Amino acid sequence: MDAFLAEAEWAPKEGYTLSQRESRDHRAMRANFVYKDLKAQLKKVPVPVLGEKEVLLQVGACGICGSDLGVQKAGEDGYTAYGIQLRLPVILGHELSGKVVALGKNVTKVKVNDLIAVEQIHWCGECSMCRSGMFNQCEELEELGLSKNGGFAEYIAIPEKYCCVINDLAEKLGDEMAALEAGALAEPTCVAYSGIQVNAGGIKSGAHVVIFGVGPIGLASAALARAMGAGKIIAVGARGVRKGLALTMGADHFLSTDELTAQGVRVSDVVMDITNGVGAGMVIEATGCYASVYPEITRCIAPGAKILQLGVGTTAAPVDLTTILQKNARICGSMGQAGSEIFPSVLRMMSSGRIDIRKMITGRFALCDIEEAMACAKDTKTPQGKVLVSQFY
């Protein structure tokens, strides 16, 4: 079968100490210190062999994530720019859906021809973190498309417990392919949902929400905030090219930091003006640009505000802790989307019509054109939302 395979040299940098698991499994927990001269290309690989509790999916759609681009980006030293878990070689792609074409002999809940949205985080269920309900912090965590083969392929084998049936979504949308596209978008939406609803405790009805970053996670956050009863939703982006997407996905206002900087105006001042001095009850940080964003965040929060950190960055964050203290605010980090009925909840929101994340799709490419799709996804001059890859396009 065809698959987009990433390969690289295992070359730990001098001074980097490998953990026991890194040495044992030949994986990197900080890939940018270990993997060098990475190459990703479409190759012929064997169709996966099914385990007893696995299902074989014909991949329906798979979204391109910033991590897929980051893995392929190299620093000046030739090492991948991706800074967290990676095990190569691996088939990239972790935002995926598919149709069941075969079953392992001990599969009991999924049937052939079921449509499936796939959970990306694979947890063991046995370590101390899993036993405490913190599945995203599993000590033996695996990630599709990063440490296990992912969805930029014709077929993928998935353990049954990570399969979410979306037949009702196809009935709601009246189209199988539309359901597969929505199913592929469940993963980034679940990342936002996990942060907003599970880890940050939800949005108080009527509270104003400011979202820094209008990539797919920020756009999904806008849709969820609208469905959860937020007051005014203000999206903040560096460039104005994504203004239309932000407004379409649920934002009431879009602020371009480039334009405001040119005018000598601070984002936080505009936020306070829009909210009539109330400020934001929740701020969602989805850029990873800590140094530039946090000074604005602390200037626009309301008393009791929640600051949700979703963006992954590498710089230190200059946080005005006195303001956090005085306003009784809190900062909450969130990574992943496993457990807490997150996937089923998001899929039910989709099938009920509460959210339509397909509105952020701006590109559809055939699997054979995946390199063109990757170039499209990283084009910052056009209003890219989510680019999907499918063998059926």
Protein backbone atom coordinates (compact mmCIF):
# COMPACT_ATOMS: atom_id res chain seq x y z
CA MET A 1 0.00 0.00 0.00
CA ASP A 2 1.01 3.67 -0.31
CA ALA A 3 2.07 5.45 2.88
CA PHE A 4 3.83 8.72 3.75
CA LEU A 5 6.78 7.44 5.76
CA ALA A 6 9.17 9.53 7.86
CA GLU A 7 12.69 8.19 8.45
CA ALA A 8 15.81 9.66 10.08
CA GLU A 9 19.19 8.90 11.62
CA TRP A 10 19.19 8.10 15.35
CA ALA A 11 21.97 10.42 16.53
CA PRO A 12 21.56 11.70 20.13
CA LYS A 13 23.34 15.02 20.61
CA GLU A 14 26.37 15.20 22.86
CA GLY A 15 25.21 15.90 26.40
CA TYR A 16 21.69 14.57 25.89
CA THR A 17 21.00 11.73 28.32
CA LEU A 18 18.64 9.07 27.02
CA SER A 19 15.99 7.83 29.42
CA GLN A 20 15.51 4.13 30.03
CA ARG A 21 12.44 4.07 27.77
CA GLU A 22 14.24 5.98 25.02
CA SER A 23 17.07 3.46 25.04
CA ARG A 24 14.75 0.48 25.36
CA ASP A 25 12.29 1.41 22.61
CA HIS A 26 14.62 3.51 20.44
CA ARG A 27 12.23 6.44 20.69
CA ALA A 28 12.92 10.09 21.44
CA MET A 29 11.00 12.03 24.07
CA ARG A 30 12.73 15.21 22.80
CA ALA A 31 13.06 14.44 19.10
CA ASN A 32 15.01 17.62 18.30
CA PHE A 33 17.89 16.24 20.38
CA VAL A 34 17.93 12.81 18.78
CA TYR A 35 16.72 12.56 15.16
CA LYS A 36 18.88 13.93 12.35
CA ASP A 37 18.55 14.17 8.55
CA LEU A 38 14.86 13.35 8.47
CA LYS A 39 13.20 12.46 5.17
CA ALA A 40 9.50 11.92 4.53
CA GLN A 41 8.16 10.51 1.30
CA LEU A 42 5.41 8.37 -0.19
CA LYS A 43 6.55 4.76 -0.23
CA LYS A 44 5.19 1.27 -0.72
CA VAL A 45 4.82 -0.57 2.59
CA PRO A 46 3.00 -3.78 3.61
CA VAL A 47 -0.67 -3.67 4.60
CA PRO A 48 -0.79 -4.00 8.43
CA VAL A 49 -1.28 -7.47 9.92
CA LEU A 50 -4.20 -7.49 12.35
CA GLY A 51 -3.84 -8.33 16.02
CA GLU A 52 -6.60 -10.22 17.83
CA LYS A 53 -8.21 -7.06 19.21
CA GLU A 54 -7.53 -4.78 16.25
CA VAL A 55 -9.63 -3.59 13.34
CA LEU A 56 -8.34 -2.83 9.87
CA LEU A 57 -9.51 0.54 8.59
CA GLN A 58 -9.46 1.79 5.04
CA VAL A 59 -8.42 5.36 5.85
CA GLY A 60 -11.16 7.79 4.84
CA ALA A 61 -9.52 11.14 5.62
CA CYS A 62 -6.52 12.39 7.56
CA GLY A 63 -5.77 15.98 8.53
CA ILE A 64 -2.38 17.67 8.33
CA CYS A 65 -1.36 18.98 11.76
CA GLY A 66 1.37 21.44 12.69
CA SER A 67 3.23 18.54 14.26
CA ASP A 68 3.38 16.78 10.87
CA LEU A 69 5.03 19.90 9.48
CA GLY A 70 7.29 20.34 12.52
CA VAL A 71 8.60 16.78 12.27
CA GLN A 72 9.73 17.45 8.70
CA LYS A 73 11.26 20.86 9.46
CA ALA A 74 15.00 20.79 10.15
CA GLY A 75 17.08 23.13 12.25
CA GLU A 76 20.44 24.49 11.15
CA ASP A 77 22.13 21.44 12.67
CA GLY A 78 20.02 19.05 10.60
CA TYR A 79 17.96 17.79 13.53
CA THR A 80 14.16 17.80 13.36
CA ALA A 81 12.50 20.88 14.81
CA TYR A 82 9.88 18.71 16.56
CA GLY A 83 10.47 18.91 20.29
CA ILE A 84 8.49 16.05 21.86
CA GLN A 85 7.84 12.31 21.44
CA LEU A 86 8.77 10.68 18.13
CA ARG A 87 9.79 7.18 17.08
CA LEU A 88 11.03 6.63 13.56
CA PRO A 89 10.47 5.24 11.03
CA VAL A 90 6.77 6.02 11.26
CA ILE A 91 3.85 6.70 8.94
CA LEU A 92 2.78 10.26 9.74
CA GLY A 93 -0.79 11.49 10.26
CA HIS A 94 -2.83 11.33 13.48
CA GLU A 95 -6.12 13.13 12.71
CA LEU A 96 -7.96 10.34 10.99
CA SER A 97 -11.12 8.44 10.25
CA GLY A 98 -11.86 5.33 8.25
CA LYS A 99 -14.14 2.47 7.33
CA VAL A 100 -13.81 -0.98 8.89
CA VAL A 101 -12.81 -3.63 6.33
CA ALA A 102 -11.59 -6.47 8.58
CA LEU A 103 -11.74 -7.55 12.23
CA GLY A 104 -9.34 -9.33 14.58
CA LYS A 105 -10.80 -12.53 16.00
CA ASN A 106 -11.47 -11.03 19.46
CA VAL A 107 -13.14 -7.80 18.29
CA THR A 108 -16.71 -7.64 19.67
CA LYS A 109 -18.13 -4.09 19.43
CA VAL A 110 -17.13 -2.89 15.97
CA LYS A 111 -18.50 -4.31 12.71
CA VAL A 112 -17.28 -4.41 9.13
CA ASN A 113 -18.45 -1.27 7.23
CA ASP A 114 -18.72 0.82 10.41
CA LEU A 115 -17.38 4.34 10.02
CA ILE A 116 -14.78 5.20 12.67
CA ALA A 117 -13.20 8.29 14.18
CA VAL A 118 -9.86 7.26 15.68
CA GLU A 119 -8.48 8.34 19.05
CA GLN A 120 -4.85 9.38 18.68
CA ILE A 121 -3.59 8.94 22.25
CA HIS A 122 -3.07 5.26 23.07
CA TRP A 123 -2.81 4.64 26.82
CA CYS A 124 -1.88 1.44 28.61
CA GLY A 125 -4.51 1.46 31.39
CA GLU A 126 -2.07 -0.10 33.85
CA CYS A 127 0.50 2.51 34.91
CA SER A 128 0.05 4.82 37.90
CA MET A 129 -1.04 7.73 35.68
CA CYS A 130 -3.73 5.70 33.92
CA ARG A 131 -4.92 4.23 37.21
CA SER A 132 -5.40 7.79 38.48
CA GLY A 133 -7.38 8.72 35.35
CA MET A 134 -4.63 10.83 33.77
CA PHE A 135 -4.53 8.97 30.46
CA ASN A 136 -2.76 11.78 28.58
CA GLN A 137 0.15 11.39 30.99
CA CYS A 138 0.36 7.60 30.55
CA GLU A 139 3.86 6.34 31.31
CA GLU A 140 3.70 4.03 28.26
CA LEU A 141 1.82 6.49 26.05
CA GLU A 142 1.83 5.95 22.30
CA GLU A 143 0.75 8.51 19.70
CA LEU A 144 -0.56 7.61 16.28
CA GLY A 145 1.47 9.19 13.52
CA LEU A 146 4.33 10.01 15.88
CA SER A 147 5.34 6.88 17.78
CA LYS A 148 2.97 4.41 16.02
CA ASN A 149 2.06 4.27 12.35
CA GLY A 150 -0.58 6.83 11.44
CA GLY A 151 -3.16 7.68 8.83
CA PHE A 152 -1.33 9.01 5.77
CA ALA A 153 -1.77 5.57 4.23
CA GLU A 154 -4.35 3.44 2.52
CA TYR A 155 -4.93 1.20 5.57
CA ILE A 156 -4.25 1.28 9.29
CA ALA A 157 -4.68 -1.26 12.11
CA ILE A 158 -6.26 0.21 15.25
CA PRO A 159 -7.04 -1.45 18.61
CA GLU A 160 -10.81 -1.64 19.02
CA LYS A 161 -10.80 0.41 22.22
CA TYR A 162 -9.63 3.52 20.31
CA CYS A 163 -12.40 3.29 17.70
CA CYS A 164 -15.41 5.62 17.92
CA VAL A 165 -18.28 4.60 15.64
CA ILE A 166 -19.69 7.58 13.68
CA ASN A 167 -22.47 5.92 11.66
CA ASP A 168 -24.99 8.36 13.19
CA LEU A 169 -22.86 11.26 11.94
CA ALA A 170 -23.18 9.92 8.41
CA GLU A 171 -26.95 9.74 8.89
CA LYS A 172 -27.02 13.33 10.18
CA LEU A 173 -24.92 14.68 7.32
CA GLY A 174 -26.47 12.42 4.70
CA ASP A 175 -23.09 11.64 3.19
CA GLU A 176 -20.45 9.07 4.12
CA MET A 177 -17.49 11.18 2.99
CA ALA A 178 -18.75 14.21 4.91
CA ALA A 179 -18.88 12.05 8.05
CA LEU A 180 -15.34 10.78 7.44
CA GLU A 181 -14.11 14.37 7.07
CA ALA A 182 -15.85 15.38 10.30
CA GLY A 183 -14.44 12.31 12.01
CA ALA A 184 -10.91 13.26 10.97
CA LEU A 185 -11.45 16.71 12.52
CA ALA A 186 -12.54 15.21 15.84
CA GLU A 187 -8.96 14.89 17.10
CA PRO A 188 -7.96 18.60 17.01
CA THR A 189 -11.43 19.53 18.27
CA CYS A 190 -10.96 17.13 21.18
CA VAL A 191 -7.66 18.79 22.05
CA ALA A 192 -9.53 22.07 22.46
CA TYR A 193 -12.47 20.41 24.25
CA SER A 194 -10.18 18.62 26.70
CA GLY A 195 -8.55 21.90 27.63
CA ILE A 196 -11.71 24.01 27.84
CA GLN A 197 -14.17 21.59 29.40
CA VAL A 198 -12.13 18.99 31.26
CA ASN A 199 -8.94 20.65 32.46
CA ALA A 200 -10.06 24.29 32.75
CA GLY A 201 -13.50 23.41 34.07
CA GLY A 202 -15.59 24.88 31.26
CA ILE A 203 -16.75 28.32 30.19
CA LYS A 204 -19.14 30.19 32.45
CA SER A 205 -22.23 31.04 30.39
CA GLY A 206 -21.95 34.63 29.18
CA ALA A 207 -18.23 34.92 29.97
CA HIS A 208 -16.15 36.62 27.29
CA VAL A 209 -13.51 34.45 25.63
CA VAL A 210 -10.28 35.60 23.96
CA ILE A 211 -8.43 33.13 21.75
CA PHE A 212 -4.81 33.86 20.84
CA GLY A 213 -4.02 31.85 17.72
CA VAL A 214 -6.30 30.99 14.81
CA GLY A 215 -4.83 27.72 13.63
CA PRO A 216 -7.09 24.64 13.75
CA ILE A 217 -6.97 24.40 17.57
CA GLY A 218 -7.89 28.06 17.95
CA LEU A 219 -10.62 27.78 15.32
CA ALA A 220 -12.06 24.69 17.01
CA SER A 221 -11.95 26.57 20.33
CA ALA A 222 -14.07 29.34 18.80
CA ALA A 223 -16.70 26.84 17.65
CA LEU A 224 -16.76 25.15 21.06
CA ALA A 225 -16.93 28.46 22.93
CA ARG A 226 -19.92 29.48 20.83
CA ALA A 227 -21.67 26.15 21.52
CA MET A 228 -20.86 26.37 25.24
CA GLY A 229 -22.60 29.73 25.68
CA ALA A 230 -19.71 32.22 25.73
CA GLY A 231 -20.46 35.94 25.61
CA LYS A 232 -18.23 37.79 23.14
CA ILE A 233 -15.61 35.64 21.41
CA ILE A 234 -12.50 37.53 20.30
CA ALA A 235 -9.96 35.80 18.07
CA VAL A 236 -6.43 37.19 17.85
CA GLY A 237 -4.06 36.34 15.00
CA ALA A 238 -0.79 37.64 13.62
CA ARG A 239 -2.12 38.07 10.11
CA GLY A 240 -5.51 39.05 8.80
CA VAL A 241 -5.70 36.25 6.24
CA ARG A 242 -7.57 34.02 8.68
CA LYS A 243 -10.12 36.61 9.73
CA GLY A 244 -12.85 35.07 7.60
CA LEU A 245 -12.18 31.60 9.00
CA ALA A 246 -12.24 32.86 12.58
CA LEU A 247 -15.58 34.61 12.10
CA THR A 248 -17.03 31.62 10.27
CA MET A 249 -16.02 29.28 13.09
CA GLY A 250 -17.74 31.35 15.77
CA ALA A 251 -15.68 34.42 16.68
CA ASP A 252 -17.49 37.77 16.98
CA HIS A 253 -14.33 39.82 16.51
CA PHE A 254 -10.93 39.30 14.91
CA LEU A 255 -7.88 41.30 15.96
CA SER A 256 -4.78 41.35 13.77
CA THR A 257 -1.68 41.84 15.91
CA ASP A 258 0.26 43.03 12.85
CA GLU A 259 -2.27 45.78 12.16
CA LEU A 260 -2.58 46.82 15.80
CA THR A 261 1.19 46.93 16.25
CA ALA A 262 1.49 49.17 13.18
CA GLN A 263 -1.08 51.49 14.77
CA GLY A 264 0.69 51.46 18.14
CA VAL A 265 -2.32 49.84 19.82
CA ARG A 266 -2.20 46.93 22.29
CA VAL A 267 -4.44 43.91 21.87
CA SER A 268 -5.42 44.02 25.52
CA ASP A 269 -6.68 47.60 25.22
CA VAL A 270 -8.95 46.61 22.34
CA VAL A 271 -10.20 43.58 24.26
CA MET A 272 -11.09 45.70 27.27
CA ASP A 273 -12.87 48.16 24.98
CA ILE A 274 -14.90 45.42 23.25
CA THR A 275 -15.89 43.88 26.60
CA ASN A 276 -16.81 47.27 28.11
CA GLY A 277 -14.05 46.96 30.69
CA VAL A 278 -15.12 43.52 31.92
CA GLY A 279 -12.26 41.56 30.39
CA ALA A 280 -12.04 37.89 29.44
CA GLY A 281 -13.40 35.16 31.67
CA MET A 282 -11.32 32.67 29.70
CA VAL A 283 -8.23 33.23 27.59
CA ILE A 284 -7.07 30.40 25.33
CA GLU A 285 -3.40 30.52 24.31
CA ALA A 286 -3.02 28.51 21.10
CA THR A 287 0.09 30.06 19.56
CA GLY A 288 3.01 28.85 21.69
CA CYS A 289 4.47 32.36 21.37
CA TYR A 290 4.65 32.84 25.11
CA ALA A 291 6.95 35.86 25.23
CA SER A 292 4.72 38.11 23.13
CA VAL A 293 1.32 36.81 24.19
CA TYR A 294 1.41 36.57 28.00
CA PRO A 295 1.93 40.28 28.70
CA GLU A 296 -1.30 40.90 26.75
CA ILE A 297 -3.15 38.03 28.42
CA THR A 298 -2.59 39.32 31.94
CA ARG A 299 -3.77 42.81 30.91
CA CYS A 300 -7.14 41.63 29.58
CA ILE A 301 -8.36 39.04 32.09
CA ALA A 302 -11.44 39.49 34.25
CA PRO A 303 -11.43 38.62 37.96
CA GLY A 304 -11.58 34.85 38.37
CA ALA A 305 -10.39 34.28 34.80
CA LYS A 306 -9.06 30.99 33.52
CA ILE A 307 -6.00 31.06 31.25
CA LEU A 308 -5.81 27.88 29.19
CA GLN A 309 -2.44 26.95 27.70
CA LEU A 310 -2.85 24.82 24.56
CA GLY A 311 -0.04 26.08 22.30
CA VAL A 312 3.33 24.32 22.45
CA GLY A 313 6.32 26.66 22.46
CA THR A 314 9.98 26.73 23.42
CA THR A 315 10.51 30.17 24.99
CA ALA A 316 10.00 31.28 28.58
CA ALA A 317 6.75 33.07 29.44
CA PRO A 318 6.98 36.45 31.21
CA VAL A 319 3.93 36.19 33.47
CA ASP A 320 2.78 39.02 35.77
CA LEU A 321 2.02 36.83 38.77
CA THR A 322 0.86 39.80 40.84
CA THR A 323 -2.04 40.32 38.44
CA ILE A 324 -2.82 36.59 38.54
CA LEU A 325 -2.89 36.82 42.33
CA GLN A 326 -4.92 40.01 42.56
CA LYS A 327 -7.52 38.83 40.07
CA ASN A 328 -7.77 35.35 41.57
CA ALA A 329 -7.00 33.93 38.11
CA ARG A 330 -5.47 30.61 37.27
CA ILE A 331 -3.33 29.16 34.49
CA CYS A 332 -4.16 25.66 33.30
CA GLY A 333 -2.08 23.54 30.96
CA SER A 334 -3.65 20.88 28.77
CA MET A 335 -2.13 18.41 26.34
CA GLY A 336 -3.86 15.51 24.63
CA GLN A 337 -7.46 14.36 24.34
CA ALA A 338 -7.77 10.94 26.00
CA GLY A 339 -10.29 9.83 28.62
CA SER A 340 -13.10 11.77 30.32
CA GLU A 341 -15.50 10.82 27.48
CA ILE A 342 -13.88 13.55 25.37
CA PHE A 343 -14.14 11.93 21.94
CA PRO A 344 -17.74 10.73 22.40
CA SER A 345 -18.78 14.16 23.70
CA VAL A 346 -17.30 16.01 20.72
CA LEU A 347 -18.77 13.52 18.25
CA ARG A 348 -22.20 13.93 19.85
CA MET A 349 -21.87 17.71 19.49
CA MET A 350 -21.11 17.14 15.82
CA SER A 351 -23.97 14.72 15.19
CA SER A 352 -26.44 17.00 17.01
CA GLY A 353 -25.42 19.94 14.83
CA ARG A 354 -24.06 22.00 17.75
CA ILE A 355 -20.72 22.39 15.95
CA ASP A 356 -19.63 21.97 12.33
CA ILE A 357 -15.85 21.81 12.29
CA ARG A 358 -15.84 21.04 8.54
CA LYS A 359 -16.17 24.79 7.98
CA MET A 360 -12.43 25.09 8.62
CA ILE A 361 -11.47 22.80 5.72
CA THR A 362 -9.58 24.83 3.13
CA GLY A 363 -7.82 22.10 1.17
CA ARG A 364 -8.53 18.55 0.01
CA PHE A 365 -5.75 16.50 -1.60
CA ALA A 366 -5.35 12.95 -2.85
CA LEU A 367 -2.89 10.75 -0.97
CA CYS A 368 -0.70 10.61 -4.07
CA ASP A 369 -0.41 14.43 -3.88
CA ILE A 370 0.51 14.56 -0.19
CA GLU A 371 3.70 16.57 -0.71
CA GLU A 372 1.63 19.27 -2.43
CA ALA A 373 -0.82 19.07 0.48
CA MET A 374 2.02 19.62 2.97
CA ALA A 375 3.19 22.69 1.05
CA CYS A 376 -0.34 24.04 1.05
CA ALA A 377 -0.75 23.50 4.80
CA LYS A 378 2.37 25.50 5.67
CA ASP A 379 1.58 28.40 3.33
CA THR A 380 1.17 31.38 5.68
CA LYS A 381 0.17 33.80 2.91
CA THR A 382 -3.20 32.15 2.31
CA PRO A 383 -6.02 31.57 4.82
CA GLN A 384 -5.35 27.90 5.52
CA GLY A 385 -7.54 26.24 8.09
CA LYS A 386 -7.40 22.45 7.89
CA VAL A 387 -5.97 20.57 4.93
CA LEU A 388 -7.21 16.98 4.50
CA VAL A 389 -5.65 14.07 2.63
CA SER A 390 -7.66 11.11 1.33
CA GLN A 391 -7.23 8.31 -1.17
CA PHE A 392 -10.82 9.09 -2.22
CA TYR A 393 -10.20 12.68 -3.40
